């Protein structure tokens, strides 16, 4: 896990959302996932701004959607700088799924 992912993980654990970290889904490993809400959370660094990585991310997102998952992408600077706020946004998405 990156420093941003660890920081966000602490905030998510404090909310007791039953989020899994480094969650395998098919051939992919999601940074975080809530299987009941069918929600994948990815913490993206600047690496994800590169065209090749954007294509890979788009293919992955399409596959995850075909499996019934929504993908929420968070910038690593946001996860590191405002982890509680990001965790609350994730909690809202989990509640919207009405699990």
PDB file of N, CA and C in Angstrom:
ATOM      1  N   UNK A   1       0.841  -1.190   0.000  1.00  0.00           N
ATOM      2  CA  UNK A   1       0.000   0.000   0.000  1.00  0.00           C
ATOM      3  C   UNK A   1       0.879   1.244   0.000  1.00  0.00           C
ATOM      4  N   UNK A   2       0.408   2.253  -0.703  1.00  0.00           N
ATOM      5  CA  UNK A   2       1.122   3.530  -0.718  1.00  0.00           C
ATOM      6  C   UNK A   2       0.807   4.297   0.569  1.00  0.00           C
ATOM      7  N   UNK A   3       1.540   5.360   0.817  1.00  0.00           N
ATOM      8  CA  UNK A   3       1.286   6.192   1.997  1.00  0.00           C
ATOM      9  C   UNK A   3      -0.130   6.768   1.951  1.00  0.00           C
ATOM     10  N   UNK A   4      -0.577   7.186   0.776  1.00  0.00           N
ATOM     11  CA  UNK A   4      -1.937   7.729   0.637  1.00  0.00           C
ATOM     12  C   UNK A   4      -2.981   6.667   0.939  1.00  0.00           C
ATOM     13  N   UNK A   5      -2.762   5.454   0.449  1.00  0.00           N
ATOM     14  CA  UNK A   5      -3.702   4.365   0.713  1.00  0.00           C
ATOM     15  C   UNK A   5      -3.742   4.023   2.198  1.00  0.00           C
ATOM     16  N   UNK A   6      -2.585   3.993   2.854  1.00  0.00           N
ATOM     17  CA  UNK A   6      -2.551   3.711   4.296  1.00  0.00           C
ATOM     18  C   UNK A   6      -3.294   4.785   5.081  1.00  0.00           C
ATOM     19  N   UNK A   7      -3.106   6.040   4.697  1.00  0.00           N
ATOM     20  CA  UNK A   7      -3.782   7.144   5.383  1.00  0.00           C
ATOM     21  C   UNK A   7      -5.289   7.029   5.216  1.00  0.00           C
ATOM     22  N   UNK A   8      -5.741   6.753   4.001  1.00  0.00           N
ATOM     23  CA  UNK A   8      -7.177   6.593   3.757  1.00  0.00           C
ATOM     24  C   UNK A   8      -7.713   5.357   4.469  1.00  0.00           C
ATOM     25  N   UNK A   9      -6.947   4.279   4.499  1.00  0.00           N
ATOM     26  CA  UNK A   9      -7.370   3.045   5.168  1.00  0.00           C
ATOM     27  C   UNK A   9      -7.679   3.309   6.644  1.00  0.00           C
ATOM     28  N   UNK A  10      -6.840   4.089   7.308  1.00  0.00           N
ATOM     29  CA  UNK A  10      -7.090   4.416   8.719  1.00  0.00           C
ATOM     30  C   UNK A  10      -8.414   5.148   8.877  1.00  0.00           C
ATOM     31  N   UNK A  11      -8.687   6.098   7.988  1.00  0.00           N
ATOM     32  CA  UNK A  11      -9.944   6.854   8.056  1.00  0.00           C
ATOM     33  C   UNK A  11     -11.139   5.949   7.762  1.00  0.00           C
ATOM     34  N   UNK A  12     -10.996   5.040   6.820  1.00  0.00           N
ATOM     35  CA  UNK A  12     -12.091   4.114   6.495  1.00  0.00           C
ATOM     36  C   UNK A  12     -12.360   3.153   7.652  1.00  0.00           C
ATOM     37  N   UNK A  13     -11.315   2.657   8.275  1.00  0.00           N
ATOM     38  CA  UNK A  13     -11.495   1.747   9.417  1.00  0.00           C
ATOM     39  C   UNK A  13     -12.222   2.431  10.561  1.00  0.00           C
ATOM     40  N   UNK A  14     -11.965   3.711  10.754  1.00  0.00           N
ATOM     41  CA  UNK A  14     -12.628   4.450  11.833  1.00  0.00           C
ATOM     42  C   UNK A  14     -14.136   4.513  11.621  1.00  0.00           C
ATOM     43  N   UNK A  15     -14.580   4.410  10.365  1.00  0.00           N
ATOM     44  CA  UNK A  15     -16.014   4.462  10.060  1.00  0.00           C
ATOM     45  C   UNK A  15     -16.664   3.080  10.060  1.00  0.00           C
ATOM     46  N   UNK A  16     -15.870   2.030  10.242  1.00  0.00           N
ATOM     47  CA  UNK A  16     -16.379   0.656  10.325  1.00  0.00           C
ATOM     48  C   UNK A  16     -17.290   0.311   9.145  1.00  0.00           C
ATOM     49  N   UNK A  17     -16.776   0.514   7.939  1.00  0.00           N
ATOM     50  CA  UNK A  17     -17.565   0.318   6.725  1.00  0.00           C
ATOM     51  C   UNK A  17     -17.440  -1.074   6.110  1.00  0.00           C
ATOM     52  N   UNK A  18     -16.622  -1.927   6.674  1.00  0.00           N
ATOM     53  CA  UNK A  18     -16.398  -3.270   6.120  1.00  0.00           C
ATOM     54  C   UNK A  18     -15.811  -3.211   4.708  1.00  0.00           C
ATOM     55  N   UNK A  19     -14.895  -2.288   4.543  1.00  0.00           N
ATOM     56  CA  UNK A  19     -14.163  -2.135   3.285  1.00  0.00           C
ATOM     57  C   UNK A  19     -12.991  -3.114   3.300  1.00  0.00           C
ATOM     58  N   UNK A  20     -12.740  -3.741   2.183  1.00  0.00           N
ATOM     59  CA  UNK A  20     -11.578  -4.625   2.028  1.00  0.00           C
ATOM     60  C   UNK A  20     -10.474  -3.851   1.318  1.00  0.00           C
ATOM     61  N   UNK A  21      -9.239  -4.056   1.759  1.00  0.00           N
ATOM     62  CA  UNK A  21      -8.112  -3.429   1.067  1.00  0.00           C
ATOM     63  C   UNK A  21      -7.418  -4.483   0.216  1.00  0.00           C
ATOM     64  N   UNK A  22      -6.809  -4.029  -0.872  1.00  0.00           N
ATOM     65  CA  UNK A  22      -6.123  -4.933  -1.796  1.00  0.00           C
ATOM     66  C   UNK A  22      -7.022  -6.126  -2.121  1.00  0.00           C
ATOM     67  N   UNK A  23      -8.226  -5.801  -2.590  1.00  0.00           N
ATOM     68  CA  UNK A  23      -9.273  -6.796  -2.812  1.00  0.00           C
ATOM     69  C   UNK A  23      -9.198  -7.391  -4.215  1.00  0.00           C
ATOM     70  N   UNK A  24      -8.960  -8.700  -4.327  1.00  0.00           N
ATOM     71  CA  UNK A  24      -8.953  -9.322  -5.648  1.00  0.00           C
ATOM     72  C   UNK A  24     -10.368  -9.407  -6.222  1.00  0.00           C
ATOM     73  N   UNK A  25     -10.508  -8.967  -7.463  1.00  0.00           N
ATOM     74  CA  UNK A  25     -11.778  -9.069  -8.185  1.00  0.00           C
ATOM     75  C   UNK A  25     -11.408  -9.533  -9.589  1.00  0.00           C
ATOM     76  N   UNK A  26     -11.688 -10.769  -9.881  1.00  0.00           N
ATOM     77  CA  UNK A  26     -11.269 -11.324 -11.162  1.00  0.00           C
ATOM     78  C   UNK A  26      -9.760 -11.282 -11.274  1.00  0.00           C
ATOM     79  N   UNK A  27      -9.272 -10.765 -12.388  1.00  0.00           N
ATOM     80  CA  UNK A  27      -7.818 -10.694 -12.588  1.00  0.00           C
ATOM     81  C   UNK A  27      -7.210  -9.411 -12.045  1.00  0.00           C
ATOM     82  N   UNK A  28      -8.018  -8.590 -11.408  1.00  0.00           N
ATOM     83  CA  UNK A  28      -7.548  -7.308 -10.885  1.00  0.00           C
ATOM     84  C   UNK A  28      -7.485  -7.328  -9.361  1.00  0.00           C
ATOM     85  N   UNK A  29      -6.718  -6.401  -8.809  1.00  0.00           N
ATOM     86  CA  UNK A  29      -6.686  -6.181  -7.366  1.00  0.00           C
ATOM     87  C   UNK A  29      -7.039  -4.719  -7.147  1.00  0.00           C
ATOM     88  N   UNK A  30      -8.183  -4.494  -6.520  1.00  0.00           N
ATOM     89  CA  UNK A  30      -8.634  -3.129  -6.240  1.00  0.00           C
ATOM     90  C   UNK A  30      -7.921  -2.601  -5.005  1.00  0.00           C
ATOM     91  N   UNK A  31      -7.636  -1.299  -4.997  1.00  0.00           N
ATOM     92  CA  UNK A  31      -7.050  -0.706  -3.792  1.00  0.00           C
ATOM     93  C   UNK A  31      -7.963  -0.974  -2.601  1.00  0.00           C
ATOM     94  N   UNK A  32      -9.261  -0.696  -2.786  1.00  0.00           N
ATOM     95  CA  UNK A  32     -10.270  -0.949  -1.754  1.00  0.00           C
ATOM     96  C   UNK A  32     -11.556  -1.390  -2.436  1.00  0.00           C
ATOM     97  N   UNK A  33     -12.351  -2.177  -1.733  1.00  0.00           N
ATOM     98  CA  UNK A  33     -13.650  -2.573  -2.278  1.00  0.00           C
ATOM     99  C   UNK A  33     -14.636  -2.817  -1.147  1.00  0.00           C
ATOM    100  N   UNK A  34     -15.880  -2.491  -1.417  1.00  0.00           N
ATOM    101  CA  UNK A  34     -16.999  -2.869  -0.550  1.00  0.00           C
ATOM    102  C   UNK A  34     -17.867  -3.764  -1.425  1.00  0.00           C
ATOM    103  N   UNK A  35     -17.773  -5.066  -1.179  1.00  0.00           N
ATOM    104  CA  UNK A  35     -18.445  -6.017  -2.061  1.00  0.00           C
ATOM    105  C   UNK A  35     -19.962  -5.917  -1.966  1.00  0.00           C
ATOM    106  N   UNK A  36     -20.490  -5.666  -0.786  1.00  0.00           N
ATOM    107  CA  UNK A  36     -21.939  -5.540  -0.636  1.00  0.00           C
ATOM    108  C   UNK A  36     -22.506  -4.384  -1.433  1.00  0.00           C
ATOM    109  N   UNK A  37     -21.780  -3.276  -1.457  1.00  0.00           N
ATOM    110  CA  UNK A  37     -22.214  -2.088  -2.203  1.00  0.00           C
ATOM    111  C   UNK A  37     -21.758  -2.138  -3.660  1.00  0.00           C
ATOM    112  N   UNK A  38     -20.980  -3.168  -4.006  1.00  0.00           N
ATOM    113  CA  UNK A  38     -20.438  -3.299  -5.368  1.00  0.00           C
ATOM    114  C   UNK A  38     -19.675  -2.021  -5.750  1.00  0.00           C
ATOM    115  N   UNK A  39     -18.811  -1.589  -4.827  1.00  0.00           N
ATOM    116  CA  UNK A  39     -18.053  -0.353  -4.994  1.00  0.00           C
ATOM    117  C   UNK A  39     -16.561  -0.639  -4.915  1.00  0.00           C
ATOM    118  N   UNK A  40     -15.822  -0.175  -5.907  1.00  0.00           N
ATOM    119  CA  UNK A  40     -14.362  -0.248  -5.926  1.00  0.00           C
ATOM    120  C   UNK A  40     -13.840   1.166  -5.756  1.00  0.00           C
ATOM    121  N   UNK A  41     -12.846   1.323  -4.890  1.00  0.00           N
ATOM    122  CA  UNK A  41     -12.217   2.624  -4.668  1.00  0.00           C
ATOM    123  C   UNK A  41     -10.754   2.499  -5.090  1.00  0.00           C
ATOM    124  N   UNK A  42     -10.344   3.342  -6.022  1.00  0.00           N
ATOM    125  CA  UNK A  42      -8.965   3.359  -6.499  1.00  0.00           C
ATOM    126  C   UNK A  42      -8.328   4.693  -6.125  1.00  0.00           C
ATOM    127  N   UNK A  43      -7.145   4.629  -5.542  1.00  0.00           N
ATOM    128  CA  UNK A  43      -6.380   5.826  -5.194  1.00  0.00           C
ATOM    129  C   UNK A  43      -5.333   6.010  -6.290  1.00  0.00           C
ATOM    130  N   UNK A  44      -5.493   7.069  -7.067  1.00  0.00           N
ATOM    131  CA  UNK A  44      -4.668   7.284  -8.256  1.00  0.00           C
ATOM    132  C   UNK A  44      -3.604   8.354  -8.051  1.00  0.00           C
ATOM    133  N   UNK A  45      -2.381   8.003  -8.404  1.00  0.00           N
ATOM    134  CA  UNK A  45      -1.271   8.963  -8.404  1.00  0.00           C
ATOM    135  C   UNK A  45      -1.169   9.596  -9.789  1.00  0.00           C
ATOM    136  N   UNK A  46      -0.190  10.436  -9.971  1.00  0.00           N
ATOM    137  CA  UNK A  46       0.042  11.064 -11.263  1.00  0.00           C
ATOM    138  C   UNK A  46       0.325  10.059 -12.371  1.00  0.00           C
ATOM    139  N   UNK A  47       0.777   8.870 -12.003  1.00  0.00           N
ATOM    140  CA  UNK A  47       1.008   7.796 -12.970  1.00  0.00           C
ATOM    141  C   UNK A  47      -0.246   7.537 -13.804  1.00  0.00           C
ATOM    142  N   UNK A  48      -1.399   7.694 -13.196  1.00  0.00           N
ATOM    143  CA  UNK A  48      -2.668   7.424 -13.875  1.00  0.00           C
ATOM    144  C   UNK A  48      -3.047   8.522 -14.871  1.00  0.00           C
ATOM    145  N   UNK A  49      -2.252   9.585 -14.950  1.00  0.00           N
ATOM    146  CA  UNK A  49      -2.478  10.641 -15.941  1.00  0.00           C
ATOM    147  C   UNK A  49      -1.843  10.303 -17.293  1.00  0.00           C
ATOM    148  N   UNK A  50      -0.962   9.328 -17.314  1.00  0.00           N
ATOM    149  CA  UNK A  50      -0.299   8.943 -18.561  1.00  0.00           C
ATOM    150  C   UNK A  50      -1.290   8.247 -19.492  1.00  0.00           C
ATOM    151  N   UNK A  51      -1.242   8.554 -20.790  1.00  0.00           N
ATOM    152  CA  UNK A  51      -2.212   7.985 -21.742  1.00  0.00           C
ATOM    153  C   UNK A  51      -2.314   6.460 -21.691  1.00  0.00           C
ATOM    154  N   UNK A  52      -1.186   5.778 -21.624  1.00  0.00           N
ATOM    155  CA  UNK A  52      -1.203   4.305 -21.579  1.00  0.00           C
ATOM    156  C   UNK A  52      -1.933   3.805 -20.333  1.00  0.00           C
ATOM    157  N   UNK A  53      -1.667   4.433 -19.198  1.00  0.00           N
ATOM    158  CA  UNK A  53      -2.316   4.021 -17.952  1.00  0.00           C
ATOM    159  C   UNK A  53      -3.800   4.370 -17.978  1.00  0.00           C
ATOM    160  N   UNK A  54      -4.150   5.499 -18.585  1.00  0.00           N
ATOM    161  CA  UNK A  54      -5.564   5.867 -18.700  1.00  0.00           C
ATOM    162  C   UNK A  54      -6.326   4.836 -19.521  1.00  0.00           C
ATOM    163  N   UNK A  55      -5.705   4.335 -20.588  1.00  0.00           N
ATOM    164  CA  UNK A  55      -6.347   3.279 -21.391  1.00  0.00           C
ATOM    165  C   UNK A  55      -6.546   2.017 -20.550  1.00  0.00           C
ATOM    166  N   UNK A  56      -5.506   1.644 -19.812  1.00  0.00           N
ATOM    167  CA  UNK A  56      -5.597   0.461 -18.950  1.00  0.00           C
ATOM    168  C   UNK A  56      -6.696   0.652 -17.898  1.00  0.00           C
ATOM    169  N   UNK A  57      -6.722   1.821 -17.268  1.00  0.00           N
ATOM    170  CA  UNK A  57      -7.742   2.100 -16.247  1.00  0.00           C
ATOM    171  C   UNK A  57      -9.143   2.040 -16.846  1.00  0.00           C
ATOM    172  N   UNK A  58      -9.305   2.578 -18.049  1.00  0.00           N
ATOM    173  CA  UNK A  58     -10.620   2.569 -18.701  1.00  0.00           C
ATOM    174  C   UNK A  58     -11.069   1.139 -18.992  1.00  0.00           C
ATOM    175  N   UNK A  59     -10.157   0.301 -19.483  1.00  0.00           N
ATOM    176  CA  UNK A  59     -10.492  -1.105 -19.739  1.00  0.00           C
ATOM    177  C   UNK A  59     -10.878  -1.814 -18.448  1.00  0.00           C
ATOM    178  N   UNK A  60     -10.137  -1.542 -17.415  1.00  0.00           N
ATOM    179  CA  UNK A  60     -10.403  -2.146 -16.106  1.00  0.00           C
ATOM    180  C   UNK A  60     -11.762  -1.694 -15.585  1.00  0.00           C
ATOM    181  N   UNK A  61     -12.051  -0.397 -15.704  1.00  0.00           N
ATOM    182  CA  UNK A  61     -13.335   0.135 -15.236  1.00  0.00           C
ATOM    183  C   UNK A  61     -14.501  -0.497 -15.985  1.00  0.00           C
ATOM    184  N   UNK A  62     -14.338  -0.685 -17.295  1.00  0.00           N
ATOM    185  CA  UNK A  62     -15.393  -1.318 -18.096  1.00  0.00           C
ATOM    186  C   UNK A  62     -15.611  -2.753 -17.622  1.00  0.00           C
ATOM    187  N   UNK A  63     -14.525  -3.483 -17.392  1.00  0.00           N
ATOM    188  CA  UNK A  63     -14.661  -4.861 -16.927  1.00  0.00           C
ATOM    189  C   UNK A  63     -15.329  -4.905 -15.552  1.00  0.00           C
ATOM    190  N   UNK A  64     -14.887  -4.045 -14.642  1.00  0.00           N
ATOM    191  CA  UNK A  64     -15.493  -4.018 -13.305  1.00  0.00           C
ATOM    192  C   UNK A  64     -16.978  -3.685 -13.395  1.00  0.00           C
ATOM    193  N   UNK A  65     -17.345  -2.742 -14.257  1.00  0.00           N
ATOM    194  CA  UNK A  65     -18.760  -2.403 -14.449  1.00  0.00           C
ATOM    195  C   UNK A  65     -19.531  -3.609 -14.976  1.00  0.00           C
ATOM    196  N   UNK A  66     -18.911  -4.392 -15.844  1.00  0.00           N
ATOM    197  CA  UNK A  66     -19.583  -5.587 -16.375  1.00  0.00           C
ATOM    198  C   UNK A  66     -19.826  -6.622 -15.283  1.00  0.00           C
ATOM    199  N   UNK A  67     -19.081  -6.510 -14.195  1.00  0.00           N
ATOM    200  CA  UNK A  67     -19.255  -7.405 -13.054  1.00  0.00           C
ATOM    201  C   UNK A  67     -20.164  -6.794 -11.988  1.00  0.00           C
ATOM    202  N   UNK A  68     -20.713  -5.615 -12.299  1.00  0.00           N
ATOM    203  CA  UNK A  68     -21.646  -4.967 -11.381  1.00  0.00           C
ATOM    204  C   UNK A  68     -21.028  -3.998 -10.396  1.00  0.00           C
ATOM    205  N   UNK A  69     -19.758  -3.656 -10.577  1.00  0.00           N
ATOM    206  CA  UNK A  69     -19.079  -2.734  -9.663  1.00  0.00           C
ATOM    207  C   UNK A  69     -19.071  -1.315 -10.214  1.00  0.00           C
ATOM    208  N   UNK A  70     -19.231  -0.354  -9.318  1.00  0.00           N
ATOM    209  CA  UNK A  70     -18.989   1.051  -9.632  1.00  0.00           C
ATOM    210  C   UNK A  70     -17.564   1.352  -9.191  1.00  0.00           C
ATOM    211  N   UNK A  71     -16.882   2.207  -9.924  1.00  0.00           N
ATOM    212  CA  UNK A  71     -15.501   2.550  -9.587  1.00  0.00           C
ATOM    213  C   UNK A  71     -15.444   4.012  -9.181  1.00  0.00           C
ATOM    214  N   UNK A  72     -14.890   4.247  -8.015  1.00  0.00           N
ATOM    215  CA  UNK A  72     -14.705   5.600  -7.488  1.00  0.00           C
ATOM    216  C   UNK A  72     -13.203   5.858  -7.487  1.00  0.00           C
ATOM    217  N   UNK A  73     -12.775   6.860  -8.245  1.00  0.00           N
ATOM    218  CA  UNK A  73     -11.350   7.180  -8.328  1.00  0.00           C
ATOM    219  C   UNK A  73     -11.048   8.422  -7.490  1.00  0.00           C
ATOM    220  N   UNK A  74     -10.053   8.291  -6.632  1.00  0.00           N
ATOM    221  CA  UNK A  74      -9.644   9.349  -5.711  1.00  0.00           C
ATOM    222  C   UNK A  74      -8.186   9.694  -6.017  1.00  0.00           C
ATOM    223  N   UNK A  75      -7.871  10.972  -6.098  1.00  0.00           N
ATOM    224  CA  UNK A  75      -6.476  11.381  -6.278  1.00  0.00           C
ATOM    225  C   UNK A  75      -5.706  11.084  -4.995  1.00  0.00           C
ATOM    226  N   UNK A  76      -4.468  10.643  -5.126  1.00  0.00           N
ATOM    227  CA  UNK A  76      -3.688  10.308  -3.942  1.00  0.00           C
ATOM    228  C   UNK A  76      -3.455  11.520  -3.044  1.00  0.00           C
ATOM    229  N   UNK A  77      -3.321  12.699  -3.635  1.00  0.00           N
ATOM    230  CA  UNK A  77      -3.124  13.909  -2.821  1.00  0.00           C
ATOM    231  C   UNK A  77      -4.353  14.192  -1.958  1.00  0.00           C
ATOM    232  N   UNK A  78      -5.522  13.885  -2.476  1.00  0.00           N
ATOM    233  CA  UNK A  78      -6.760  14.076  -1.720  1.00  0.00           C
ATOM    234  C   UNK A  78      -6.874  13.031  -0.601  1.00  0.00           C
ATOM    235  N   UNK A  79      -6.548  11.784  -0.916  1.00  0.00           N
ATOM    236  CA  UNK A  79      -6.603  10.714   0.085  1.00  0.00           C
ATOM    237  C   UNK A  79      -5.620  10.987   1.217  1.00  0.00           C
ATOM    238  N   UNK A  80      -4.464  11.535   0.881  1.00  0.00           N
ATOM    239  CA  UNK A  80      -3.444  11.817   1.884  1.00  0.00           C
ATOM    240  C   UNK A  80      -3.751  13.096   2.654  1.00  0.00           C
ATOM    241  N   UNK A  81      -4.243  14.114   1.949  1.00  0.00           N
ATOM    242  CA  UNK A  81      -4.452  15.421   2.567  1.00  0.00           C
ATOM    243  C   UNK A  81      -5.766  15.588   3.309  1.00  0.00           C
ATOM    244  N   UNK A  82      -6.809  14.876   2.855  1.00  0.00           N
ATOM    245  CA  UNK A  82      -8.133  15.000   3.486  1.00  0.00           C
ATOM    246  C   UNK A  82      -8.786  13.622   3.640  1.00  0.00           C
ATOM    247  N   UNK A  83      -8.120  12.710   4.341  1.00  0.00           N
ATOM    248  CA  UNK A  83      -8.614  11.331   4.388  1.00  0.00           C
ATOM    249  C   UNK A  83      -9.999  11.183   5.020  1.00  0.00           C
ATOM    250  N   UNK A  84     -10.288  11.956   6.054  1.00  0.00           N
ATOM    251  CA  UNK A  84     -11.597  11.835   6.702  1.00  0.00           C
ATOM    252  C   UNK A  84     -12.716  12.282   5.766  1.00  0.00           C
ATOM    253  N   UNK A  85     -12.471  13.363   5.030  1.00  0.00           N
ATOM    254  CA  UNK A  85     -13.461  13.855   4.068  1.00  0.00           C
ATOM    255  C   UNK A  85     -13.693  12.824   2.957  1.00  0.00           C
ATOM    256  N   UNK A  86     -12.624  12.252   2.461  1.00  0.00           N
ATOM    257  CA  UNK A  86     -12.736  11.232   1.415  1.00  0.00           C
ATOM    258  C   UNK A  86     -13.467  10.007   1.958  1.00  0.00           C
ATOM    259  N   UNK A  87     -13.138   9.593   3.169  1.00  0.00           N
ATOM    260  CA  UNK A  87     -13.808   8.436   3.778  1.00  0.00           C
ATOM    261  C   UNK A  87     -15.303   8.690   3.930  1.00  0.00           C
ATOM    262  N   UNK A  88     -15.682   9.912   4.272  1.00  0.00           N
ATOM    263  CA  UNK A  88     -17.111  10.247   4.387  1.00  0.00           C
ATOM    264  C   UNK A  88     -17.800  10.171   3.031  1.00  0.00           C
ATOM    265  N   UNK A  89     -17.124  10.607   1.976  1.00  0.00           N
ATOM    266  CA  UNK A  89     -17.697  10.491   0.621  1.00  0.00           C
ATOM    267  C   UNK A  89     -17.891   9.027   0.240  1.00  0.00           C
ATOM    268  N   UNK A  90     -16.928   8.206   0.609  1.00  0.00           N
ATOM    269  CA  UNK A  90     -17.039   6.772   0.336  1.00  0.00           C
ATOM    270  C   UNK A  90     -18.193   6.181   1.141  1.00  0.00           C
ATOM    271  N   UNK A  91     -18.310   6.580   2.398  1.00  0.00           N
ATOM    272  CA  UNK A  91     -19.415   6.093   3.237  1.00  0.00           C
ATOM    273  C   UNK A  91     -20.759   6.463   2.630  1.00  0.00           C
ATOM    274  N   UNK A  92     -20.859   7.657   2.076  1.00  0.00           N
ATOM    275  CA  UNK A  92     -22.093   8.087   1.419  1.00  0.00           C
ATOM    276  C   UNK A  92     -22.411   7.175   0.233  1.00  0.00           C
ATOM    277  N   UNK A  93     -21.410   6.834  -0.552  1.00  0.00           N
ATOM    278  CA  UNK A  93     -21.618   5.926  -1.690  1.00  0.00           C
ATOM    279  C   UNK A  93     -22.047   4.541  -1.223  1.00  0.00           C
ATOM    280  N   UNK A  94     -21.475   4.068  -0.132  1.00  0.00           N
ATOM    281  CA  UNK A  94     -21.868   2.762   0.418  1.00  0.00           C
ATOM    282  C   UNK A  94     -23.321   2.818   0.874  1.00  0.00           C
ATOM    283  N   UNK A  95     -23.696   3.882   1.564  1.00  0.00           N
ATOM    284  CA  UNK A  95     -25.091   4.016   2.033  1.00  0.00           C
ATOM    285  C   UNK A  95     -26.058   4.141   0.861  1.00  0.00           C
ATOM    286  N   UNK A  96     -25.654   4.819  -0.197  1.00  0.00           N
ATOM    287  CA  UNK A  96     -26.515   4.946  -1.383  1.00  0.00           C
ATOM    288  C   UNK A  96     -26.833   3.586  -1.994  1.00  0.00           C
ATOM    289  N   UNK A  97     -25.912   2.658  -1.845  1.00  0.00           N
ATOM    290  CA  UNK A  97     -26.137   1.312  -2.381  1.00  0.00           C
ATOM    291  C   UNK A  97     -27.154   0.558  -1.528  1.00  0.00           C
ATOM    292  N   UNK A  98     -27.474   1.122  -0.351  1.00  0.00           N
ATOM    293  CA  UNK A  98     -28.505   0.565   0.530  1.00  0.00           C
ATOM    294  C   UNK A  98     -28.191  -0.863   0.939  1.00  0.00           C
ATOM    295  N   UNK A  99     -26.965  -1.058   1.451  1.00  0.00           N
ATOM    296  CA  UNK A  99     -26.568  -2.391   1.906  1.00  0.00           C
ATOM    297  C   UNK A  99     -26.907  -2.596   3.346  1.00  0.00           C
TER     298      UNK A  99
END
